Amino acid sequence: MSTRPLPKPINPRVLKRAAFDGYVTSDGRYEARPGRYGTNRQVRFWTVTDRQGPWPGTDSPDQVYPDLPTIRRDLCAPDGVPWLVCDMDDGVLRVEPSRTAAVGWASSHACAPVRKRSHGKGSTCYDYAFGDPDEDWNICAFIMRADHAHSNGFDPVQQPLYPYPDDPHERVDRPAGKDI
């Protein structure tokens, strides 16, 4: 097991316009509603509600934020929603900034090119098979945006088995009891 510090866990969500006046995170956990005051109804602050219950250290599900950039920085993925490489048995293998990077890592990890890719209509998960054309075996991986992982049966904040950007194939152990 590696003794160096692990990368910080990801925030697998973005803000999306809601049916009400405001925003909701892509995973549905938070709602952001504007605090409008004055004759021009200008937004003065945002009230964010955690749908899972009270904020840590409080009795209230509401928290006040000064602006949307602060909400995005604190609760969302500020550089865009990352992509996950997942395995049916091992869960989250790797976090990458794009689908292209995720496919590249999975291909490098399998030591084989993409042999087949499938994506069901309306699905948020890509199923990849990696293998050489003259071989009978394949290595399979699921690749999906992190904010869609729950709907595909994966935990987007699970500790990846291969977390380090500078050593993409160094495997780490998950803390006890944190496997799938």
C-alpha atoms as a PDB file:
ATOM      1  CA  MET A   1       0.000   0.000   0.000  1.00  0.00           C
ATOM      2  CA  SER A   2       1.252   3.447  -0.889  1.00  0.00           C
ATOM      3  CA  THR A   3       2.131   5.774   1.971  1.00  0.00           C
ATOM      4  CA  ARG A   4       1.850   9.020   0.031  1.00  0.00           C
ATOM      5  CA  PRO A   5      -1.278  11.147   0.384  1.00  0.00           C
ATOM      6  CA  LEU A   6      -4.259  10.361  -1.805  1.00  0.00           C
ATOM      7  CA  PRO A   7      -5.787  12.978  -4.105  1.00  0.00           C
ATOM      8  CA  LYS A   8      -8.780  14.846  -2.707  1.00  0.00           C
ATOM      9  CA  PRO A   9     -12.172  13.188  -3.456  1.00  0.00           C
ATOM     10  CA  ILE A  10     -14.115  14.594  -6.396  1.00  0.00           C
ATOM     11  CA  ASN A  11     -17.331  16.615  -6.400  1.00  0.00           C
ATOM     12  CA  PRO A  12     -19.394  14.786  -9.036  1.00  0.00           C
ATOM     13  CA  ARG A  13     -22.009  17.436  -9.773  1.00  0.00           C
ATOM     14  CA  VAL A  14     -22.877  20.570 -11.750  1.00  0.00           C
ATOM     15  CA  LEU A  15     -25.614  23.186 -11.361  1.00  0.00           C
ATOM     16  CA  LYS A  16     -28.565  22.935 -13.734  1.00  0.00           C
ATOM     17  CA  ARG A  17     -31.514  25.261 -14.180  1.00  0.00           C
ATOM     18  CA  ALA A  18     -34.497  24.034 -12.194  1.00  0.00           C
ATOM     19  CA  ALA A  19     -38.229  24.117 -12.909  1.00  0.00           C
ATOM     20  CA  PHE A  20     -38.457  26.700 -10.102  1.00  0.00           C
ATOM     21  CA  ASP A  21     -36.555  30.027 -10.016  1.00  0.00           C
ATOM     22  CA  GLY A  22     -33.095  28.674  -9.261  1.00  0.00           C
ATOM     23  CA  TYR A  23     -30.789  25.719  -9.744  1.00  0.00           C
ATOM     24  CA  VAL A  24     -30.480  22.101  -8.681  1.00  0.00           C
ATOM     25  CA  THR A  25     -27.322  19.987  -8.728  1.00  0.00           C
ATOM     26  CA  SER A  26     -27.146  17.254 -11.359  1.00  0.00           C
ATOM     27  CA  ASP A  27     -27.290  14.552  -8.671  1.00  0.00           C
ATOM     28  CA  GLY A  28     -30.375  16.183  -7.125  1.00  0.00           C
ATOM     29  CA  ARG A  29     -28.784  16.685  -3.710  1.00  0.00           C
ATOM     30  CA  TYR A  30     -28.781  20.509  -3.519  1.00  0.00           C
ATOM     31  CA  GLU A  31     -31.255  23.225  -4.510  1.00  0.00           C
ATOM     32  CA  ALA A  32     -30.141  26.847  -4.893  1.00  0.00           C
ATOM     33  CA  ARG A  33     -32.804  29.559  -4.718  1.00  0.00           C
ATOM     34  CA  PRO A  34     -32.100  33.276  -5.192  1.00  0.00           C
ATOM     35  CA  GLY A  35     -32.715  35.830  -2.468  1.00  0.00           C
ATOM     36  CA  ARG A  36     -34.221  38.710  -4.488  1.00  0.00           C
ATOM     37  CA  TYR A  37     -34.776  42.096  -2.881  1.00  0.00           C
ATOM     38  CA  GLY A  38     -35.421  45.699  -3.871  1.00  0.00           C
ATOM     39  CA  THR A  39     -37.529  47.196  -6.598  1.00  0.00           C
ATOM     40  CA  ASN A  40     -35.307  45.686  -9.292  1.00  0.00           C
ATOM     41  CA  ARG A  41     -35.563  42.176  -7.723  1.00  0.00           C
ATOM     42  CA  GLN A  42     -31.767  41.815  -7.929  1.00  0.00           C
ATOM     43  CA  VAL A  43     -30.261  38.615  -6.489  1.00  0.00           C
ATOM     44  CA  ARG A  44     -28.507  39.501  -3.211  1.00  0.00           C
ATOM     45  CA  PHE A  45     -27.592  35.954  -2.100  1.00  0.00           C
ATOM     46  CA  TRP A  46     -28.452  32.279  -2.695  1.00  0.00           C
ATOM     47  CA  THR A  47     -30.070  29.895  -0.216  1.00  0.00           C
ATOM     48  CA  VAL A  48     -28.838  26.345  -0.777  1.00  0.00           C
ATOM     49  CA  THR A  49     -30.898  23.476   0.620  1.00  0.00           C
ATOM     50  CA  ASP A  50     -29.348  20.063   1.228  1.00  0.00           C
ATOM     51  CA  ARG A  51     -32.128  17.583   0.434  1.00  0.00           C
ATOM     52  CA  GLN A  52     -30.393  14.906   2.522  1.00  0.00           C
ATOM     53  CA  GLY A  53     -30.848  16.805   5.782  1.00  0.00           C
ATOM     54  CA  PRO A  54     -29.116  19.405   7.920  1.00  0.00           C
ATOM     55  CA  TRP A  55     -25.677  20.763   7.084  1.00  0.00           C
ATOM     56  CA  PRO A  56     -22.873  19.394   9.293  1.00  0.00           C
ATOM     57  CA  GLY A  57     -22.808  21.185  12.640  1.00  0.00           C
ATOM     58  CA  THR A  58     -26.258  22.773  12.215  1.00  0.00           C
ATOM     59  CA  ASP A  59     -29.913  21.923  12.619  1.00  0.00           C
ATOM     60  CA  SER A  60     -30.848  23.537   9.302  1.00  0.00           C
ATOM     61  CA  PRO A  61     -30.907  22.066   5.791  1.00  0.00           C
ATOM     62  CA  ASP A  62     -30.300  25.615   4.449  1.00  0.00           C
ATOM     63  CA  GLN A  63     -27.028  27.457   3.960  1.00  0.00           C
ATOM     64  CA  VAL A  64     -26.556  30.969   2.520  1.00  0.00           C
ATOM     65  CA  TYR A  65     -24.018  31.594  -0.267  1.00  0.00           C
ATOM     66  CA  PRO A  66     -23.066  34.997  -1.705  1.00  0.00           C
ATOM     67  CA  ASP A  67     -23.025  33.954  -5.376  1.00  0.00           C
ATOM     68  CA  LEU A  68     -23.159  31.065  -7.868  1.00  0.00           C
ATOM     69  CA  PRO A  69     -19.359  30.824  -8.367  1.00  0.00           C
ATOM     70  CA  THR A  70     -18.959  30.127  -4.634  1.00  0.00           C
ATOM     71  CA  ILE A  71     -21.616  27.404  -4.819  1.00  0.00           C
ATOM     72  CA  ARG A  72     -19.868  25.849  -7.822  1.00  0.00           C
ATOM     73  CA  ARG A  73     -16.480  25.988  -6.068  1.00  0.00           C
ATOM     74  CA  ASP A  74     -17.753  24.462  -2.818  1.00  0.00           C
ATOM     75  CA  LEU A  75     -20.372  21.955  -3.964  1.00  0.00           C
ATOM     76  CA  CYS A  76     -19.730  21.192  -7.629  1.00  0.00           C
ATOM     77  CA  ALA A  77     -16.919  20.117  -9.927  1.00  0.00           C
ATOM     78  CA  PRO A  78     -15.329  23.516 -10.723  1.00  0.00           C
ATOM     79  CA  ASP A  79     -13.334  22.215 -13.706  1.00  0.00           C
ATOM     80  CA  GLY A  80     -16.209  20.218 -15.186  1.00  0.00           C
ATOM     81  CA  VAL A  81     -17.632  16.879 -14.155  1.00  0.00           C
ATOM     82  CA  PRO A  82     -14.958  14.174 -14.238  1.00  0.00           C
ATOM     83  CA  TRP A  83     -15.354  10.788 -15.913  1.00  0.00           C
ATOM     84  CA  LEU A  84     -14.989   7.457 -14.116  1.00  0.00           C
ATOM     85  CA  VAL A  85     -13.527   4.166 -15.283  1.00  0.00           C
ATOM     86  CA  CYS A  86     -15.409   1.471 -13.378  1.00  0.00           C
ATOM     87  CA  ASP A  87     -15.274  -2.296 -13.088  1.00  0.00           C
ATOM     88  CA  MET A  88     -18.221  -4.491 -12.146  1.00  0.00           C
ATOM     89  CA  ASP A  89     -16.250  -6.204  -9.379  1.00  0.00           C
ATOM     90  CA  ASP A  90     -13.814  -3.503  -8.239  1.00  0.00           C
ATOM     91  CA  GLY A  91     -15.948  -0.360  -8.519  1.00  0.00           C
ATOM     92  CA  VAL A  92     -14.189   2.910  -9.386  1.00  0.00           C
ATOM     93  CA  LEU A  93     -10.793   2.266 -10.921  1.00  0.00           C
ATOM     94  CA  ARG A  94      -9.831   5.740 -12.111  1.00  0.00           C
ATOM     95  CA  VAL A  95     -11.033   9.355 -12.329  1.00  0.00           C
ATOM     96  CA  GLU A  96     -10.189  11.333 -15.486  1.00  0.00           C
ATOM     97  CA  PRO A  97     -11.176  14.818 -16.709  1.00  0.00           C
ATOM     98  CA  SER A  98     -12.769  13.623 -19.971  1.00  0.00           C
ATOM     99  CA  ARG A  99     -14.175  10.518 -21.635  1.00  0.00           C
ATOM    100  CA  THR A 100     -11.268  10.524 -24.082  1.00  0.00           C
ATOM    101  CA  ALA A 101      -8.773  10.504 -21.203  1.00  0.00           C
ATOM    102  CA  ALA A 102     -10.761   7.763 -19.420  1.00  0.00           C
ATOM    103  CA  VAL A 103     -10.757   5.564 -22.531  1.00  0.00           C
ATOM    104  CA  GLY A 104      -7.034   6.245 -22.999  1.00  0.00           C
ATOM    105  CA  TRP A 105      -6.249   5.218 -19.434  1.00  0.00           C
ATOM    106  CA  ALA A 106      -8.406   2.077 -19.656  1.00  0.00           C
ATOM    107  CA  SER A 107      -6.763   1.078 -22.940  1.00  0.00           C
ATOM    108  CA  SER A 108      -3.303   1.642 -21.439  1.00  0.00           C
ATOM    109  CA  HIS A 109      -4.262  -0.292 -18.316  1.00  0.00           C
ATOM    110  CA  ALA A 110      -5.585  -3.202 -20.381  1.00  0.00           C
ATOM    111  CA  CYS A 111      -2.507  -3.043 -22.657  1.00  0.00           C
ATOM    112  CA  ALA A 112      -4.910  -3.371 -25.573  1.00  0.00           C
ATOM    113  CA  PRO A 113      -6.888  -1.184 -27.969  1.00  0.00           C
ATOM    114  CA  VAL A 114     -10.632  -0.615 -27.907  1.00  0.00           C
ATOM    115  CA  ARG A 115     -12.247  -3.669 -29.435  1.00  0.00           C
ATOM    116  CA  LYS A 116     -15.890  -2.756 -28.968  1.00  0.00           C
ATOM    117  CA  ARG A 117     -17.931   0.107 -27.544  1.00  0.00           C
ATOM    118  CA  SER A 118     -21.631   0.137 -26.786  1.00  0.00           C
ATOM    119  CA  HIS A 119     -23.970   2.743 -25.443  1.00  0.00           C
ATOM    120  CA  GLY A 120     -27.682   2.165 -24.992  1.00  0.00           C
ATOM    121  CA  LYS A 121     -30.136   4.823 -26.051  1.00  0.00           C
ATOM    122  CA  GLY A 122     -30.764   7.099 -23.075  1.00  0.00           C
ATOM    123  CA  SER A 123     -27.968   5.467 -21.095  1.00  0.00           C
ATOM    124  CA  THR A 124     -25.340   7.510 -19.295  1.00  0.00           C
ATOM    125  CA  CYS A 125     -22.800   4.685 -19.279  1.00  0.00           C
ATOM    126  CA  TYR A 126     -20.464   3.508 -22.049  1.00  0.00           C
ATOM    127  CA  ASP A 127     -19.463  -0.149 -22.086  1.00  0.00           C
ATOM    128  CA  TYR A 128     -15.983  -0.706 -23.533  1.00  0.00           C
ATOM    129  CA  ALA A 129     -14.195  -3.941 -24.362  1.00  0.00           C
ATOM    130  CA  PHE A 130     -10.424  -3.808 -24.814  1.00  0.00           C
ATOM    131  CA  GLY A 131      -8.481  -6.551 -26.554  1.00  0.00           C
ATOM    132  CA  ASP A 132      -6.373  -7.425 -29.559  1.00  0.00           C
ATOM    133  CA  PRO A 133      -8.313  -8.591 -32.631  1.00  0.00           C
ATOM    134  CA  ASP A 134      -6.368 -11.866 -32.840  1.00  0.00           C
ATOM    135  CA  GLU A 135      -6.997 -12.767 -29.172  1.00  0.00           C
ATOM    136  CA  ASP A 136     -10.018 -14.508 -27.638  1.00  0.00           C
ATOM    137  CA  TRP A 137     -10.060 -12.493 -24.399  1.00  0.00           C
ATOM    138  CA  ASN A 138     -11.368  -9.019 -23.588  1.00  0.00           C
ATOM    139  CA  ILE A 139     -11.031  -6.673 -20.651  1.00  0.00           C
ATOM    140  CA  CYS A 140     -14.238  -4.714 -20.047  1.00  0.00           C
ATOM    141  CA  ALA A 141     -14.811  -1.368 -18.344  1.00  0.00           C
ATOM    142  CA  PHE A 142     -17.714   0.983 -17.821  1.00  0.00           C
ATOM    143  CA  ILE A 143     -16.976   4.649 -18.505  1.00  0.00           C
ATOM    144  CA  MET A 144     -19.407   7.316 -17.316  1.00  0.00           C
ATOM    145  CA  ARG A 145     -19.675  10.891 -16.109  1.00  0.00           C
ATOM    146  CA  ALA A 146     -19.331  11.037 -12.341  1.00  0.00           C
ATOM    147  CA  ASP A 147     -22.674  12.792 -11.882  1.00  0.00           C
ATOM    148  CA  HIS A 148     -24.408   9.784 -13.483  1.00  0.00           C
ATOM    149  CA  ALA A 149     -22.573   7.079 -11.524  1.00  0.00           C
ATOM    150  CA  HIS A 150     -25.327   6.533  -8.932  1.00  0.00           C
ATOM    151  CA  SER A 151     -27.902   5.788 -11.632  1.00  0.00           C
ATOM    152  CA  ASN A 152     -25.531   3.108 -12.951  1.00  0.00           C
ATOM    153  CA  GLY A 153     -24.914   1.463  -9.568  1.00  0.00           C
ATOM    154  CA  PHE A 154     -21.537   3.044  -8.691  1.00  0.00           C
ATOM    155  CA  ASP A 155     -20.476   5.412  -5.908  1.00  0.00           C
ATOM    156  CA  PRO A 156     -18.795   8.404  -7.600  1.00  0.00           C
ATOM    157  CA  VAL A 157     -16.799   9.351  -4.502  1.00  0.00           C
ATOM    158  CA  GLN A 158     -15.485   5.830  -3.843  1.00  0.00           C
ATOM    159  CA  GLN A 159     -11.701   5.851  -3.477  1.00  0.00           C
ATOM    160  CA  PRO A 160     -10.320   4.940  -6.945  1.00  0.00           C
ATOM    161  CA  LEU A 161      -7.942   1.987  -7.023  1.00  0.00           C
ATOM    162  CA  TYR A 162      -5.581   3.952  -9.325  1.00  0.00           C
ATOM    163  CA  PRO A 163      -5.789   7.540  -7.998  1.00  0.00           C
ATOM    164  CA  TYR A 164      -2.438   9.187  -8.795  1.00  0.00           C
ATOM    165  CA  PRO A 165      -2.131  11.534 -11.796  1.00  0.00           C
ATOM    166  CA  ASP A 166       1.678  11.211 -11.828  1.00  0.00           C
ATOM    167  CA  ASP A 167       1.649   7.383 -11.662  1.00  0.00           C
ATOM    168  CA  PRO A 168      -1.551   6.260 -13.390  1.00  0.00           C
ATOM    169  CA  HIS A 169      -1.062   2.520 -12.828  1.00  0.00           C
ATOM    170  CA  GLU A 170      -0.048   2.540  -9.148  1.00  0.00           C
ATOM    171  CA  ARG A 171      -2.739   0.649  -7.270  1.00  0.00           C
ATOM    172  CA  VAL A 172      -3.717   1.577  -3.724  1.00  0.00           C
ATOM    173  CA  ASP A 173      -5.787  -0.303  -1.186  1.00  0.00           C
ATOM    174  CA  ARG A 174      -9.093   1.139  -0.078  1.00  0.00           C
ATOM    175  CA  PRO A 175      -9.613   1.698   3.635  1.00  0.00           C
ATOM    176  CA  ALA A 176     -11.091  -1.319   5.412  1.00  0.00           C
ATOM    177  CA  GLY A 177     -14.811  -1.651   4.765  1.00  0.00           C
ATOM    178  CA  LYS A 178     -14.761   0.788   1.830  1.00  0.00           C
ATOM    179  CA  ASP A 179     -14.950  -1.791  -0.954  1.00  0.00           C
ATOM    180  CA  ILE A 180     -18.098  -2.084  -2.993  1.00  0.00           C
END
